[in-house]
Amino acid sequence: MPTARPLPETGSVFLDARGGDRALRVSWHTDAGVVILSLWHGNVCSGSFRLSVDEVPDLIEMLRDGLDQAYSEALGRRHSQAG
């Protein structure tokens, strides 16, 4: 089985909420003008997606909007349970 390549200096690993050996790697490749999102099972990359750095702000905005909505819904549930 091939060994996983190390992440570039500007990258991160996020473990899958289901557990196991699944992970998402995010790595910046400034020289190529992309951010690479790759899915890993153990030391094997099972898929990747190249996102243009120009599109990263849209992805961040979508994630932020989802997070804001999740917090609002959680606060609403807490208030309805407390009242």
PDB file of N, CA and C in Angstrom:
ATOM      1  N   MET A   1       0.853  -1.183   0.000  1.00  0.00           N
ATOM      2  CA  MET A   1       0.000   0.000   0.000  1.00  0.00           C
ATOM      3  C   MET A   1       0.893   1.237   0.000  1.00  0.00           C
ATOM      4  N   PRO A   2       0.605   2.212  -0.870  1.00  0.00           N
ATOM      5  CA  PRO A   2       1.440   3.413  -0.918  1.00  0.00           C
ATOM      6  C   PRO A   2       1.295   4.249   0.345  1.00  0.00           C
ATOM      7  N   THR A   3       2.359   4.927   0.692  1.00  0.00           N
ATOM      8  CA  THR A   3       2.355   5.792   1.857  1.00  0.00           C
ATOM      9  C   THR A   3       1.771   7.150   1.488  1.00  0.00           C
ATOM     10  N   ALA A   4       0.969   7.715   2.387  1.00  0.00           N
ATOM     11  CA  ALA A   4       0.378   9.027   2.133  1.00  0.00           C
ATOM     12  C   ALA A   4       1.464  10.077   2.018  1.00  0.00           C
ATOM     13  N   ARG A   5       1.259  10.977   1.082  1.00  0.00           N
ATOM     14  CA  ARG A   5       2.197  12.074   0.927  1.00  0.00           C
ATOM     15  C   ARG A   5       1.940  13.103   2.022  1.00  0.00           C
ATOM     16  N   PRO A   6       2.990  13.735   2.542  1.00  0.00           N
ATOM     17  CA  PRO A   6       2.778  14.754   3.581  1.00  0.00           C
ATOM     18  C   PRO A   6       2.062  15.966   3.009  1.00  0.00           C
ATOM     19  N   LEU A   7       1.339  16.655   3.869  1.00  0.00           N
ATOM     20  CA  LEU A   7       0.662  17.879   3.448  1.00  0.00           C
ATOM     21  C   LEU A   7       1.674  18.990   3.195  1.00  0.00           C
ATOM     22  N   PRO A   8       1.351  19.903   2.294  1.00  0.00           N
ATOM     23  CA  PRO A   8       2.181  21.103   2.171  1.00  0.00           C
ATOM     24  C   PRO A   8       2.100  21.907   3.467  1.00  0.00           C
ATOM     25  N   GLU A   9       2.958  22.886   3.604  1.00  0.00           N
ATOM     26  CA  GLU A   9       2.959  23.717   4.827  1.00  0.00           C
ATOM     27  C   GLU A   9       1.607  24.337   5.098  1.00  0.00           C
ATOM     28  N   THR A  10       0.879  24.706   4.056  1.00  0.00           N
ATOM     29  CA  THR A  10      -0.413  25.368   4.221  1.00  0.00           C
ATOM     30  C   THR A  10      -1.538  24.384   3.921  1.00  0.00           C
ATOM     31  N   GLY A  11      -1.784  23.496   4.858  1.00  0.00           N
ATOM     32  CA  GLY A  11      -2.841  22.514   4.691  1.00  0.00           C
ATOM     33  C   GLY A  11      -3.348  22.049   6.042  1.00  0.00           C
ATOM     34  N   SER A  12      -4.415  21.249   5.987  1.00  0.00           N
ATOM     35  CA  SER A  12      -4.991  20.746   7.221  1.00  0.00           C
ATOM     36  C   SER A  12      -5.712  19.435   6.935  1.00  0.00           C
ATOM     37  N   VAL A  13      -5.950  18.671   7.989  1.00  0.00           N
ATOM     38  CA  VAL A  13      -6.663  17.405   7.886  1.00  0.00           C
ATOM     39  C   VAL A  13      -7.873  17.472   8.808  1.00  0.00           C
ATOM     40  N   PHE A  14      -9.023  17.036   8.287  1.00  0.00           N
ATOM     41  CA  PHE A  14     -10.257  16.997   9.063  1.00  0.00           C
ATOM     42  C   PHE A  14     -10.745  15.555   9.080  1.00  0.00           C
ATOM     43  N   LEU A  15     -10.968  15.013  10.271  1.00  0.00           N
ATOM     44  CA  LEU A  15     -11.413  13.636  10.410  1.00  0.00           C
ATOM     45  C   LEU A  15     -12.916  13.553  10.187  1.00  0.00           C
ATOM     46  N   ASP A  16     -13.353  12.485   9.548  1.00  0.00           N
ATOM     47  CA  ASP A  16     -14.763  12.268   9.250  1.00  0.00           C
ATOM     48  C   ASP A  16     -15.537  12.050  10.544  1.00  0.00           C
ATOM     49  N   ALA A  17     -16.708  12.667  10.653  1.00  0.00           N
ATOM     50  CA  ALA A  17     -17.535  12.561  11.856  1.00  0.00           C
ATOM     51  C   ALA A  17     -18.000  11.131  12.117  1.00  0.00           C
ATOM     52  N   ARG A  18     -17.981  10.277  11.086  1.00  0.00           N
ATOM     53  CA  ARG A  18     -18.399   8.883  11.256  1.00  0.00           C
ATOM     54  C   ARG A  18     -17.309   8.036  11.880  1.00  0.00           C
ATOM     55  N   GLY A  19     -16.122   8.606  12.034  1.00  0.00           N
ATOM     56  CA  GLY A  19     -15.014   7.854  12.599  1.00  0.00           C
ATOM     57  C   GLY A  19     -14.310   7.029  11.546  1.00  0.00           C
ATOM     58  N   GLY A  20     -13.646   5.998  11.993  1.00  0.00           N
ATOM     59  CA  GLY A  20     -12.904   5.173  11.054  1.00  0.00           C
ATOM     60  C   GLY A  20     -11.660   5.880  10.569  1.00  0.00           C
ATOM     61  N   ASP A  21     -11.219   5.491   9.411  1.00  0.00           N
ATOM     62  CA  ASP A  21      -9.975   6.059   8.894  1.00  0.00           C
ATOM     63  C   ASP A  21     -10.218   7.029   7.744  1.00  0.00           C
ATOM     64  N   ARG A  22     -11.405   7.647   7.714  1.00  0.00           N
ATOM     65  CA  ARG A  22     -11.739   8.610   6.666  1.00  0.00           C
ATOM     66  C   ARG A  22     -11.295  10.006   7.068  1.00  0.00           C
ATOM     67  N   ALA A  23     -10.811  10.760   6.078  1.00  0.00           N
ATOM     68  CA  ALA A  23     -10.376  12.125   6.358  1.00  0.00           C
ATOM     69  C   ALA A  23     -10.497  12.986   5.105  1.00  0.00           C
ATOM     70  N   LEU A  24     -10.603  14.282   5.332  1.00  0.00           N
ATOM     71  CA  LEU A  24     -10.562  15.285   4.267  1.00  0.00           C
ATOM     72  C   LEU A  24      -9.276  16.062   4.449  1.00  0.00           C
ATOM     73  N   ARG A  25      -8.490  16.134   3.408  1.00  0.00           N
ATOM     74  CA  ARG A  25      -7.284  16.967   3.440  1.00  0.00           C
ATOM     75  C   ARG A  25      -7.540  18.197   2.585  1.00  0.00           C
ATOM     76  N   VAL A  26      -7.122  19.334   3.104  1.00  0.00           N
ATOM     77  CA  VAL A  26      -7.227  20.587   2.374  1.00  0.00           C
ATOM     78  C   VAL A  26      -5.821  21.148   2.266  1.00  0.00           C
ATOM     79  N   SER A  27      -5.387  21.414   1.039  1.00  0.00           N
ATOM     80  CA  SER A  27      -4.028  21.925   0.865  1.00  0.00           C
ATOM     81  C   SER A  27      -4.003  23.035  -0.176  1.00  0.00           C
ATOM     82  N   TRP A  28      -3.296  24.107   0.171  1.00  0.00           N
ATOM     83  CA  TRP A  28      -3.100  25.236  -0.732  1.00  0.00           C
ATOM     84  C   TRP A  28      -1.927  24.946  -1.647  1.00  0.00           C
ATOM     85  N   HIS A  29      -2.112  25.249  -2.913  1.00  0.00           N
ATOM     86  CA  HIS A  29      -1.043  25.133  -3.907  1.00  0.00           C
ATOM     87  C   HIS A  29      -0.995  26.460  -4.652  1.00  0.00           C
ATOM     88  N   THR A  30      -0.367  27.436  -4.002  1.00  0.00           N
ATOM     89  CA  THR A  30      -0.332  28.798  -4.510  1.00  0.00           C
ATOM     90  C   THR A  30       0.270  28.864  -5.904  1.00  0.00           C
ATOM     91  N   ASP A  31       1.307  28.074  -6.138  1.00  0.00           N
ATOM     92  CA  ASP A  31       1.967  28.092  -7.441  1.00  0.00           C
ATOM     93  C   ASP A  31       1.028  27.684  -8.572  1.00  0.00           C
ATOM     94  N   ALA A  32       0.056  26.822  -8.283  1.00  0.00           N
ATOM     95  CA  ALA A  32      -0.900  26.365  -9.294  1.00  0.00           C
ATOM     96  C   ALA A  32      -2.213  27.151  -9.235  1.00  0.00           C
ATOM     97  N   GLY A  33      -2.373  27.998  -8.207  1.00  0.00           N
ATOM     98  CA  GLY A  33      -3.591  28.793  -8.064  1.00  0.00           C
ATOM     99  C   GLY A  33      -4.811  27.986  -7.672  1.00  0.00           C
ATOM    100  N   VAL A  34      -4.582  26.896  -6.903  1.00  0.00           N
ATOM    101  CA  VAL A  34      -5.707  26.054  -6.498  1.00  0.00           C
ATOM    102  C   VAL A  34      -5.597  25.649  -5.031  1.00  0.00           C
ATOM    103  N   VAL A  35      -6.737  25.277  -4.502  1.00  0.00           N
ATOM    104  CA  VAL A  35      -6.822  24.599  -3.218  1.00  0.00           C
ATOM    105  C   VAL A  35      -7.302  23.193  -3.558  1.00  0.00           C
ATOM    106  N   ILE A  36      -6.629  22.189  -3.029  1.00  0.00           N
ATOM    107  CA  ILE A  36      -7.021  20.821  -3.328  1.00  0.00           C
ATOM    108  C   ILE A  36      -7.701  20.219  -2.106  1.00  0.00           C
ATOM    109  N   LEU A  37      -8.918  19.716  -2.325  1.00  0.00           N
ATOM    110  CA  LEU A  37      -9.684  18.997  -1.321  1.00  0.00           C
ATOM    111  C   LEU A  37      -9.585  17.527  -1.706  1.00  0.00           C
ATOM    112  N   SER A  38      -9.063  16.702  -0.812  1.00  0.00           N
ATOM    113  CA  SER A  38      -8.915  15.286  -1.150  1.00  0.00           C
ATOM    114  C   SER A  38      -9.500  14.416  -0.053  1.00  0.00           C
ATOM    115  N   LEU A  39     -10.120  13.325  -0.473  1.00  0.00           N
ATOM    116  CA  LEU A  39     -10.735  12.368   0.440  1.00  0.00           C
ATOM    117  C   LEU A  39      -9.807  11.186   0.612  1.00  0.00           C
ATOM    118  N   TRP A  40      -9.595  10.806   1.870  1.00  0.00           N
ATOM    119  CA  TRP A  40      -8.642   9.743   2.186  1.00  0.00           C
ATOM    120  C   TRP A  40      -9.309   8.650   2.988  1.00  0.00           C
ATOM    121  N   HIS A  41      -8.928   7.417   2.699  1.00  0.00           N
ATOM    122  CA  HIS A  41      -9.269   6.239   3.504  1.00  0.00           C
ATOM    123  C   HIS A  41      -7.945   5.649   3.924  1.00  0.00           C
ATOM    124  N   GLY A  42      -7.581   5.857   5.172  1.00  0.00           N
ATOM    125  CA  GLY A  42      -6.264   5.437   5.627  1.00  0.00           C
ATOM    126  C   GLY A  42      -5.196   6.226   4.877  1.00  0.00           C
ATOM    127  N   ASN A  43      -4.285   5.522   4.252  1.00  0.00           N
ATOM    128  CA  ASN A  43      -3.207   6.184   3.510  1.00  0.00           C
ATOM    129  C   ASN A  43      -3.473   6.263   2.017  1.00  0.00           C
ATOM    130  N   VAL A  44      -4.722   6.041   1.605  1.00  0.00           N
ATOM    131  CA  VAL A  44      -5.049   6.017   0.184  1.00  0.00           C
ATOM    132  C   VAL A  44      -5.995   7.166  -0.156  1.00  0.00           C
ATOM    133  N   CYS A  45      -5.611   7.963  -1.141  1.00  0.00           N
ATOM    134  CA  CYS A  45      -6.470   9.038  -1.628  1.00  0.00           C
ATOM    135  C   CYS A  45      -7.521   8.417  -2.546  1.00  0.00           C
ATOM    136  N   SER A  46      -8.809   8.620  -2.202  1.00  0.00           N
ATOM    137  CA  SER A  46      -9.881   8.031  -3.009  1.00  0.00           C
ATOM    138  C   SER A  46     -10.531   9.035  -3.954  1.00  0.00           C
ATOM    139  N   GLY A  47     -10.155  10.304  -3.845  1.00  0.00           N
ATOM    140  CA  GLY A  47     -10.691  11.310  -4.754  1.00  0.00           C
ATOM    141  C   GLY A  47     -10.179  12.688  -4.383  1.00  0.00           C
ATOM    142  N   SER A  48     -10.154  13.569  -5.379  1.00  0.00           N
ATOM    143  CA  SER A  48      -9.700  14.929  -5.104  1.00  0.00           C
ATOM    144  C   SER A  48     -10.479  15.921  -5.960  1.00  0.00           C
ATOM    145  N   PHE A  49     -10.461  17.173  -5.517  1.00  0.00           N
ATOM    146  CA  PHE A  49     -11.151  18.259  -6.201  1.00  0.00           C
ATOM    147  C   PHE A  49     -10.257  19.478  -6.160  1.00  0.00           C
ATOM    148  N   ARG A  50     -10.016  20.084  -7.304  1.00  0.00           N
ATOM    149  CA  ARG A  50      -9.195  21.297  -7.382  1.00  0.00           C
ATOM    150  C   ARG A  50     -10.114  22.507  -7.462  1.00  0.00           C
ATOM    151  N   LEU A  51     -10.042  23.354  -6.452  1.00  0.00           N
ATOM    152  CA  LEU A  51     -10.856  24.567  -6.388  1.00  0.00           C
ATOM    153  C   LEU A  51      -9.967  25.761  -6.668  1.00  0.00           C
ATOM    154  N   SER A  52     -10.335  26.560  -7.656  1.00  0.00           N
ATOM    155  CA  SER A  52      -9.569  27.761  -7.972  1.00  0.00           C
ATOM    156  C   SER A  52      -9.552  28.695  -6.767  1.00  0.00           C
ATOM    157  N   VAL A  53      -8.412  29.331  -6.507  1.00  0.00           N
ATOM    158  CA  VAL A  53      -8.343  30.245  -5.360  1.00  0.00           C
ATOM    159  C   VAL A  53      -9.364  31.372  -5.489  1.00  0.00           C
ATOM    160  N   ASP A  54      -9.763  31.696  -6.705  1.00  0.00           N
ATOM    161  CA  ASP A  54     -10.783  32.730  -6.909  1.00  0.00           C
ATOM    162  C   ASP A  54     -12.153  32.304  -6.384  1.00  0.00           C
ATOM    163  N   GLU A  55     -12.384  30.991  -6.258  1.00  0.00           N
ATOM    164  CA  GLU A  55     -13.666  30.480  -5.786  1.00  0.00           C
ATOM    165  C   GLU A  55     -13.698  30.209  -4.285  1.00  0.00           C
ATOM    166  N   VAL A  56     -12.543  30.288  -3.635  1.00  0.00           N
ATOM    167  CA  VAL A  56     -12.471  30.005  -2.196  1.00  0.00           C
ATOM    168  C   VAL A  56     -13.372  30.937  -1.379  1.00  0.00           C
ATOM    169  N   PRO A  57     -13.418  32.252  -1.670  1.00  0.00           N
ATOM    170  CA  PRO A  57     -14.324  33.113  -0.882  1.00  0.00           C
ATOM    171  C   PRO A  57     -15.784  32.670  -0.955  1.00  0.00           C
ATOM    172  N   ASP A  58     -16.231  32.178  -2.112  1.00  0.00           N
ATOM    173  CA  ASP A  58     -17.616  31.696  -2.226  1.00  0.00           C
ATOM    174  C   ASP A  58     -17.836  30.467  -1.356  1.00  0.00           C
ATOM    175  N   LEU A  59     -16.866  29.562  -1.320  1.00  0.00           N
ATOM    176  CA  LEU A  59     -16.967  28.372  -0.466  1.00  0.00           C
ATOM    177  C   LEU A  59     -17.013  28.780   1.003  1.00  0.00           C
ATOM    178  N   ILE A  60     -16.136  29.699   1.385  1.00  0.00           N
ATOM    179  CA  ILE A  60     -16.111  30.163   2.780  1.00  0.00           C
ATOM    180  C   ILE A  60     -17.435  30.826   3.148  1.00  0.00           C
ATOM    181  N   GLU A  61     -17.989  31.631   2.246  1.00  0.00           N
ATOM    182  CA  GLU A  61     -19.271  32.295   2.515  1.00  0.00           C
ATOM    183  C   GLU A  61     -20.394  31.275   2.695  1.00  0.00           C
ATOM    184  N   MET A  62     -20.410  30.236   1.858  1.00  0.00           N
ATOM    185  CA  MET A  62     -21.427  29.201   1.973  1.00  0.00           C
ATOM    186  C   MET A  62     -21.297  28.464   3.302  1.00  0.00           C
ATOM    187  N   LEU A  63     -20.070  28.124   3.700  1.00  0.00           N
ATOM    188  CA  LEU A  63     -19.841  27.450   4.975  1.00  0.00           C
ATOM    189  C   LEU A  63     -20.240  28.346   6.142  1.00  0.00           C
ATOM    190  N   ARG A  64     -19.915  29.625   6.049  1.00  0.00           N
ATOM    191  CA  ARG A  64     -20.258  30.581   7.109  1.00  0.00           C
ATOM    192  C   ARG A  64     -21.770  30.730   7.248  1.00  0.00           C
ATOM    193  N   ASP A  65     -22.463  30.831   6.104  1.00  0.00           N
ATOM    194  CA  ASP A  65     -23.929  30.937   6.137  1.00  0.00           C
ATOM    195  C   ASP A  65     -24.548  29.699   6.784  1.00  0.00           C
ATOM    196  N   GLY A  66     -24.030  28.520   6.449  1.00  0.00           N
ATOM    197  CA  GLY A  66     -24.528  27.288   7.046  1.00  0.00           C
ATOM    198  C   GLY A  66     -24.277  27.243   8.537  1.00  0.00           C
ATOM    199  N   LEU A  67     -23.109  27.707   8.953  1.00  0.00           N
ATOM    200  CA  LEU A  67     -22.779  27.731  10.378  1.00  0.00           C
ATOM    201  C   LEU A  67     -23.681  28.708  11.118  1.00  0.00           C
ATOM    202  N   ASP A  68     -23.899  29.893  10.550  1.00  0.00           N
ATOM    203  CA  ASP A  68     -24.804  30.870  11.170  1.00  0.00           C
ATOM    204  C   ASP A  68     -26.201  30.287  11.335  1.00  0.00           C
ATOM    205  N   GLN A  69     -26.701  29.601  10.307  1.00  0.00           N
ATOM    206  CA  GLN A  69     -28.033  29.010  10.370  1.00  0.00           C
ATOM    207  C   GLN A  69     -28.085  27.918  11.435  1.00  0.00           C
ATOM    208  N   ALA A  70     -27.054  27.098  11.509  1.00  0.00           N
ATOM    209  CA  ALA A  70     -27.026  26.028  12.510  1.00  0.00           C
ATOM    210  C   ALA A  70     -27.044  26.599  13.925  1.00  0.00           C
ATOM    211  N   TYR A  71     -26.281  27.673  14.160  1.00  0.00           N
ATOM    212  CA  TYR A  71     -26.278  28.299  15.480  1.00  0.00           C
ATOM    213  C   TYR A  71     -27.638  28.913  15.800  1.00  0.00           C
ATOM    214  N   SER A  72     -28.245  29.557  14.821  1.00  0.00           N
ATOM    215  CA  SER A  72     -29.558  30.168  15.047  1.00  0.00           C
ATOM    216  C   SER A  72     -30.591  29.106  15.404  1.00  0.00           C
ATOM    217  N   GLU A  73     -30.574  27.994  14.684  1.00  0.00           N
ATOM    218  CA  GLU A  73     -31.518  26.916  14.970  1.00  0.00           C
ATOM    219  C   GLU A  73     -31.256  26.311  16.349  1.00  0.00           C
ATOM    220  N   ALA A  74     -29.996  26.137  16.711  1.00  0.00           N
ATOM    221  CA  ALA A  74     -29.660  25.584  18.028  1.00  0.00           C
ATOM    222  C   ALA A  74     -30.115  26.535  19.134  1.00  0.00           C
ATOM    223  N   LEU A  75     -29.919  27.845  18.952  1.00  0.00           N
ATOM    224  CA  LEU A  75     -30.381  28.817  19.946  1.00  0.00           C
ATOM    225  C   LEU A  75     -31.895  28.790  20.064  1.00  0.00           C
ATOM    226  N   GLY A  76     -32.580  28.687  18.932  1.00  0.00           N
ATOM    227  CA  GLY A  76     -34.039  28.618  18.947  1.00  0.00           C
ATOM    228  C   GLY A  76     -34.532  27.404  19.708  1.00  0.00           C
ATOM    229  N   ARG A  77     -33.875  26.266  19.533  1.00  0.00           N
ATOM    230  CA  ARG A  77     -34.266  25.057  20.278  1.00  0.00           C
ATOM    231  C   ARG A  77     -34.031  25.232  21.765  1.00  0.00           C
ATOM    232  N   ARG A  78     -32.906  25.847  22.122  1.00  0.00           N
ATOM    233  CA  ARG A  78     -32.621  26.056  23.558  1.00  0.00           C
ATOM    234  C   ARG A  78     -33.653  26.965  24.200  1.00  0.00           C
ATOM    235  N   HIS A  79     -34.008  28.045  23.484  1.00  0.00           N
ATOM    236  CA  HIS A  79     -34.995  28.971  24.043  1.00  0.00           C
ATOM    237  C   HIS A  79     -36.359  28.315  24.175  1.00  0.00           C
ATOM    238  N   SER A  80     -36.737  27.477  23.224  1.00  0.00           N
ATOM    239  CA  SER A  80     -38.057  26.835  23.294  1.00  0.00           C
ATOM    240  C   SER A  80     -38.078  25.766  24.390  1.00  0.00           C
ATOM    241  N   GLN A  81     -36.943  25.137  24.661  1.00  0.00           N
ATOM    242  CA  GLN A  81     -36.879  24.139  25.727  1.00  0.00           C
ATOM    243  C   GLN A  81     -36.860  24.815  27.099  1.00  0.00           C
ATOM    244  N   ALA A  82     -36.239  25.983  27.198  1.00  0.00           N
ATOM    245  CA  ALA A  82     -36.135  26.686  28.487  1.00  0.00           C
ATOM    246  C   ALA A  82     -37.466  27.342  28.856  1.00  0.00           C
ATOM    247  N   GLY A  83     -38.255  27.671  27.877  1.00  0.00           N
ATOM    248  CA  GLY A  83     -39.470  28.424  28.145  1.00  0.00           C
ATOM    249  C   GLY A  83     -40.603  27.575  28.383  1.00  0.00           C
TER     250      GLY A  83
END
